[in-house]
């Protein structure tokens, strides 16, 4: 929570002088790689819940600032067709 709050506060501060007409905050995508081997988070379900929680917090914070939120998690969870490569 604190990381997202501080990030959004920083982003708001940095964008304040630019007088942006709109801001879109992109969420974290569903992993485009197998959660095994060197990418094994040791708690797969906890890792995915953490991504979901961060995205929910980003969405809420964006709405509070009248910004848009791009939910790439929903698009990438359906499959890897929306990933650029094995990580992104």
N, C-alpha and C. Protein backbone atom coordinates (compact mmCIF):
# COMPACT_ATOMS: atom_id res chain seq x y z
N UNK A 1 0.82 -1.20 0.00
CA UNK A 1 0.00 0.00 0.00
C UNK A 1 0.86 1.26 0.00
N UNK A 2 1.87 1.24 0.85
CA UNK A 2 2.73 2.43 0.95
C UNK A 2 3.48 2.69 -0.36
N UNK A 3 3.94 1.64 -1.00
CA UNK A 3 4.67 1.80 -2.26
C UNK A 3 3.79 2.43 -3.33
N UNK A 4 2.56 1.92 -3.46
CA UNK A 4 1.65 2.47 -4.46
C UNK A 4 1.28 3.91 -4.10
N UNK A 5 0.98 4.17 -2.83
CA UNK A 5 0.64 5.53 -2.40
C UNK A 5 1.76 6.51 -2.73
N UNK A 6 2.98 6.13 -2.41
CA UNK A 6 4.11 7.02 -2.65
C UNK A 6 4.36 7.20 -4.16
N UNK A 7 4.19 6.14 -4.91
CA UNK A 7 4.36 6.23 -6.37
C UNK A 7 3.32 7.19 -6.97
N UNK A 8 2.07 7.01 -6.58
CA UNK A 8 1.01 7.86 -7.13
C UNK A 8 1.18 9.31 -6.69
N UNK A 9 1.59 9.54 -5.45
CA UNK A 9 1.87 10.91 -4.99
C UNK A 9 3.00 11.52 -5.80
N UNK A 10 4.06 10.74 -6.01
CA UNK A 10 5.19 11.23 -6.80
C UNK A 10 4.75 11.54 -8.23
N UNK A 11 3.99 10.63 -8.83
CA UNK A 11 3.52 10.82 -10.19
C UNK A 11 2.66 12.08 -10.29
N UNK A 12 1.77 12.27 -9.33
CA UNK A 12 0.93 13.46 -9.31
C UNK A 12 1.75 14.73 -9.21
N UNK A 13 2.78 14.70 -8.37
CA UNK A 13 3.66 15.86 -8.20
C UNK A 13 4.40 16.16 -9.50
N UNK A 14 4.95 15.11 -10.12
CA UNK A 14 5.71 15.30 -11.36
C UNK A 14 4.83 15.79 -12.51
N UNK A 15 3.59 15.33 -12.55
CA UNK A 15 2.71 15.70 -13.65
C UNK A 15 2.00 17.03 -13.44
N UNK A 16 1.99 17.53 -12.20
CA UNK A 16 1.26 18.75 -11.88
C UNK A 16 1.71 19.93 -12.75
N UNK A 17 2.99 20.07 -12.95
CA UNK A 17 3.51 21.19 -13.72
C UNK A 17 3.28 21.03 -15.22
N UNK A 18 3.04 19.81 -15.67
CA UNK A 18 2.87 19.56 -17.10
C UNK A 18 1.47 19.86 -17.60
N UNK A 19 0.53 20.02 -16.68
CA UNK A 19 -0.86 20.34 -17.03
C UNK A 19 -1.41 19.34 -18.07
N UNK A 20 -1.28 18.06 -17.75
CA UNK A 20 -1.74 17.00 -18.65
C UNK A 20 -3.26 17.03 -18.75
N UNK A 21 -3.78 16.83 -19.95
CA UNK A 21 -5.24 16.78 -20.12
C UNK A 21 -5.80 15.44 -19.68
N UNK A 22 -4.99 14.40 -19.73
CA UNK A 22 -5.41 13.09 -19.23
C UNK A 22 -4.18 12.28 -18.85
N UNK A 23 -4.39 11.38 -17.92
CA UNK A 23 -3.31 10.50 -17.45
C UNK A 23 -3.86 9.09 -17.43
N UNK A 24 -3.09 8.15 -17.96
CA UNK A 24 -3.47 6.74 -17.92
C UNK A 24 -2.39 5.98 -17.17
N UNK A 25 -2.79 5.32 -16.10
CA UNK A 25 -1.88 4.51 -15.30
C UNK A 25 -2.06 3.06 -15.72
N UNK A 26 -0.97 2.43 -16.11
CA UNK A 26 -1.02 1.03 -16.53
C UNK A 26 -0.77 0.12 -15.34
N UNK A 27 -1.60 -0.91 -15.22
CA UNK A 27 -1.43 -1.89 -14.17
C UNK A 27 -0.34 -2.89 -14.51
N UNK A 28 -0.16 -3.84 -13.64
CA UNK A 28 0.83 -4.90 -13.81
C UNK A 28 0.17 -6.05 -14.57
N UNK A 29 0.82 -6.56 -15.62
CA UNK A 29 0.22 -7.67 -16.36
C UNK A 29 0.36 -9.00 -15.62
N UNK A 30 -0.46 -9.96 -16.03
CA UNK A 30 -0.30 -11.33 -15.56
C UNK A 30 1.05 -11.82 -16.10
N UNK A 31 1.81 -12.57 -15.30
CA UNK A 31 3.13 -13.02 -15.76
C UNK A 31 3.03 -13.75 -17.10
N UNK A 32 3.90 -13.40 -18.02
CA UNK A 32 3.95 -14.03 -19.33
C UNK A 32 4.93 -15.17 -19.37
N UNK A 33 5.28 -15.69 -18.23
CA UNK A 33 6.26 -16.76 -18.11
C UNK A 33 5.78 -17.74 -17.05
N UNK A 34 6.29 -18.93 -17.11
CA UNK A 34 5.96 -19.94 -16.10
C UNK A 34 6.59 -19.54 -14.77
N UNK A 35 5.84 -19.69 -13.72
CA UNK A 35 6.34 -19.36 -12.38
C UNK A 35 7.08 -20.58 -11.82
N UNK A 36 8.15 -20.93 -12.52
CA UNK A 36 8.98 -22.07 -12.12
C UNK A 36 10.44 -21.68 -12.30
N UNK A 37 11.32 -22.54 -11.86
CA UNK A 37 12.76 -22.31 -12.02
C UNK A 37 13.19 -21.00 -11.39
N UNK A 38 13.94 -20.22 -12.14
CA UNK A 38 14.44 -18.94 -11.60
C UNK A 38 13.33 -17.92 -11.41
N UNK A 39 12.15 -18.18 -12.00
CA UNK A 39 11.01 -17.28 -11.84
C UNK A 39 10.02 -17.78 -10.78
N UNK A 40 10.40 -18.78 -10.02
CA UNK A 40 9.52 -19.35 -8.99
C UNK A 40 9.47 -18.41 -7.79
N UNK A 41 8.31 -17.80 -7.52
CA UNK A 41 8.21 -16.88 -6.38
C UNK A 41 8.05 -17.59 -5.05
N UNK A 42 8.09 -18.91 -5.02
CA UNK A 42 7.95 -19.76 -3.83
C UNK A 42 6.52 -19.79 -3.30
N UNK A 43 5.71 -18.84 -3.66
CA UNK A 43 4.30 -18.80 -3.26
C UNK A 43 3.53 -18.23 -4.45
N UNK A 44 3.25 -19.10 -5.42
CA UNK A 44 2.62 -18.66 -6.66
C UNK A 44 1.31 -17.94 -6.40
N UNK A 45 0.44 -18.51 -5.59
CA UNK A 45 -0.85 -17.88 -5.32
C UNK A 45 -0.68 -16.55 -4.61
N UNK A 46 0.25 -16.48 -3.67
CA UNK A 46 0.52 -15.22 -2.98
C UNK A 46 1.07 -14.16 -3.92
N UNK A 47 1.93 -14.58 -4.83
CA UNK A 47 2.51 -13.67 -5.82
C UNK A 47 1.42 -13.09 -6.72
N UNK A 48 0.52 -13.95 -7.21
CA UNK A 48 -0.57 -13.49 -8.06
C UNK A 48 -1.55 -12.61 -7.30
N UNK A 49 -1.78 -12.93 -6.01
CA UNK A 49 -2.64 -12.06 -5.18
C UNK A 49 -2.01 -10.70 -4.99
N UNK A 50 -0.68 -10.68 -4.83
CA UNK A 50 0.03 -9.40 -4.66
C UNK A 50 -0.14 -8.54 -5.91
N UNK A 51 0.01 -9.13 -7.09
CA UNK A 51 -0.19 -8.38 -8.34
C UNK A 51 -1.62 -7.84 -8.39
N UNK A 52 -2.57 -8.68 -8.04
CA UNK A 52 -3.98 -8.26 -8.05
C UNK A 52 -4.22 -7.12 -7.07
N UNK A 53 -3.63 -7.21 -5.88
CA UNK A 53 -3.80 -6.16 -4.87
C UNK A 53 -3.18 -4.84 -5.33
N UNK A 54 -2.00 -4.90 -5.93
CA UNK A 54 -1.35 -3.69 -6.43
C UNK A 54 -2.21 -3.05 -7.52
N UNK A 55 -2.73 -3.88 -8.43
CA UNK A 55 -3.58 -3.34 -9.49
C UNK A 55 -4.85 -2.70 -8.93
N UNK A 56 -5.45 -3.32 -7.93
CA UNK A 56 -6.64 -2.73 -7.32
C UNK A 56 -6.32 -1.38 -6.68
N UNK A 57 -5.18 -1.33 -6.01
CA UNK A 57 -4.76 -0.08 -5.37
C UNK A 57 -4.45 0.99 -6.42
N UNK A 58 -3.78 0.61 -7.51
CA UNK A 58 -3.49 1.56 -8.58
C UNK A 58 -4.78 2.08 -9.21
N UNK A 59 -5.74 1.17 -9.45
CA UNK A 59 -7.01 1.56 -10.03
C UNK A 59 -7.73 2.58 -9.14
N UNK A 60 -7.80 2.28 -7.86
CA UNK A 60 -8.48 3.16 -6.91
C UNK A 60 -7.79 4.52 -6.84
N UNK A 61 -6.46 4.51 -6.75
CA UNK A 61 -5.72 5.76 -6.65
C UNK A 61 -5.85 6.58 -7.94
N UNK A 62 -5.90 5.92 -9.08
CA UNK A 62 -6.08 6.64 -10.35
C UNK A 62 -7.45 7.30 -10.39
N UNK A 63 -8.47 6.57 -10.00
CA UNK A 63 -9.83 7.12 -9.99
C UNK A 63 -9.94 8.31 -9.06
N UNK A 64 -9.29 8.23 -7.90
CA UNK A 64 -9.33 9.33 -6.93
C UNK A 64 -8.73 10.60 -7.51
N UNK A 65 -7.84 10.46 -8.48
CA UNK A 65 -7.19 11.60 -9.12
C UNK A 65 -7.82 11.95 -10.46
N UNK A 66 -8.92 11.29 -10.78
CA UNK A 66 -9.59 11.48 -12.08
C UNK A 66 -8.69 11.09 -13.25
N UNK A 67 -7.88 10.07 -13.04
CA UNK A 67 -7.04 9.50 -14.07
C UNK A 67 -7.68 8.21 -14.55
N UNK A 68 -7.21 7.72 -15.67
CA UNK A 68 -7.68 6.45 -16.22
C UNK A 68 -6.77 5.32 -15.75
N UNK A 69 -7.29 4.11 -15.78
CA UNK A 69 -6.49 2.94 -15.42
C UNK A 69 -6.59 1.92 -16.54
N UNK A 70 -5.46 1.47 -17.03
CA UNK A 70 -5.40 0.47 -18.09
C UNK A 70 -5.16 -0.90 -17.44
N UNK A 71 -6.16 -1.75 -17.49
CA UNK A 71 -6.11 -3.07 -16.85
C UNK A 71 -5.49 -4.09 -17.81
N UNK A 72 -4.17 -4.15 -17.83
CA UNK A 72 -3.50 -5.12 -18.69
C UNK A 72 -3.50 -6.51 -18.08
N UNK A 73 -3.75 -6.61 -16.79
CA UNK A 73 -3.82 -7.92 -16.13
C UNK A 73 -4.93 -8.76 -16.73
N UNK A 74 -6.11 -8.16 -16.89
CA UNK A 74 -7.25 -8.89 -17.43
C UNK A 74 -6.96 -9.39 -18.84
N UNK A 75 -6.32 -8.57 -19.65
CA UNK A 75 -6.02 -8.98 -21.03
C UNK A 75 -4.96 -10.06 -21.08
N UNK A 76 -3.96 -9.97 -20.22
CA UNK A 76 -2.85 -10.92 -20.29
C UNK A 76 -3.12 -12.21 -19.53
N UNK A 77 -4.09 -12.21 -18.65
CA UNK A 77 -4.42 -13.43 -17.91
C UNK A 77 -5.02 -14.48 -18.84
N UNK A 78 -5.69 -14.03 -19.88
CA UNK A 78 -6.36 -14.94 -20.82
C UNK A 78 -5.36 -15.76 -21.64
N UNK A 79 -4.14 -15.33 -21.74
CA UNK A 79 -3.13 -16.05 -22.51
C UNK A 79 -1.97 -15.16 -22.86
N UNK A 80 -0.98 -15.73 -23.49
CA UNK A 80 0.24 -14.97 -23.78
C UNK A 80 0.17 -14.19 -25.09
N UNK A 81 -0.95 -14.23 -25.79
CA UNK A 81 -1.05 -13.49 -27.05
C UNK A 81 -0.82 -12.00 -26.88
N UNK A 82 -1.06 -11.48 -25.70
CA UNK A 82 -0.93 -10.05 -25.47
C UNK A 82 0.42 -9.66 -24.87
N UNK A 83 1.28 -10.63 -24.65
CA UNK A 83 2.62 -10.34 -24.15
C UNK A 83 3.55 -10.05 -25.33
N UNK A 84 4.45 -9.10 -25.14
CA UNK A 84 5.40 -8.75 -26.20
C UNK A 84 6.47 -9.83 -26.37
N UNK A 85 6.84 -10.43 -25.24
CA UNK A 85 7.87 -11.46 -25.27
C UNK A 85 7.64 -12.36 -24.06
N UNK A 86 8.64 -13.07 -23.63
CA UNK A 86 8.49 -13.98 -22.50
C UNK A 86 8.36 -13.31 -21.15
N UNK A 87 8.57 -12.01 -21.09
CA UNK A 87 8.49 -11.30 -19.80
C UNK A 87 7.47 -10.17 -19.79
N UNK A 88 7.30 -9.50 -20.89
CA UNK A 88 6.48 -8.28 -20.94
C UNK A 88 5.16 -8.50 -21.65
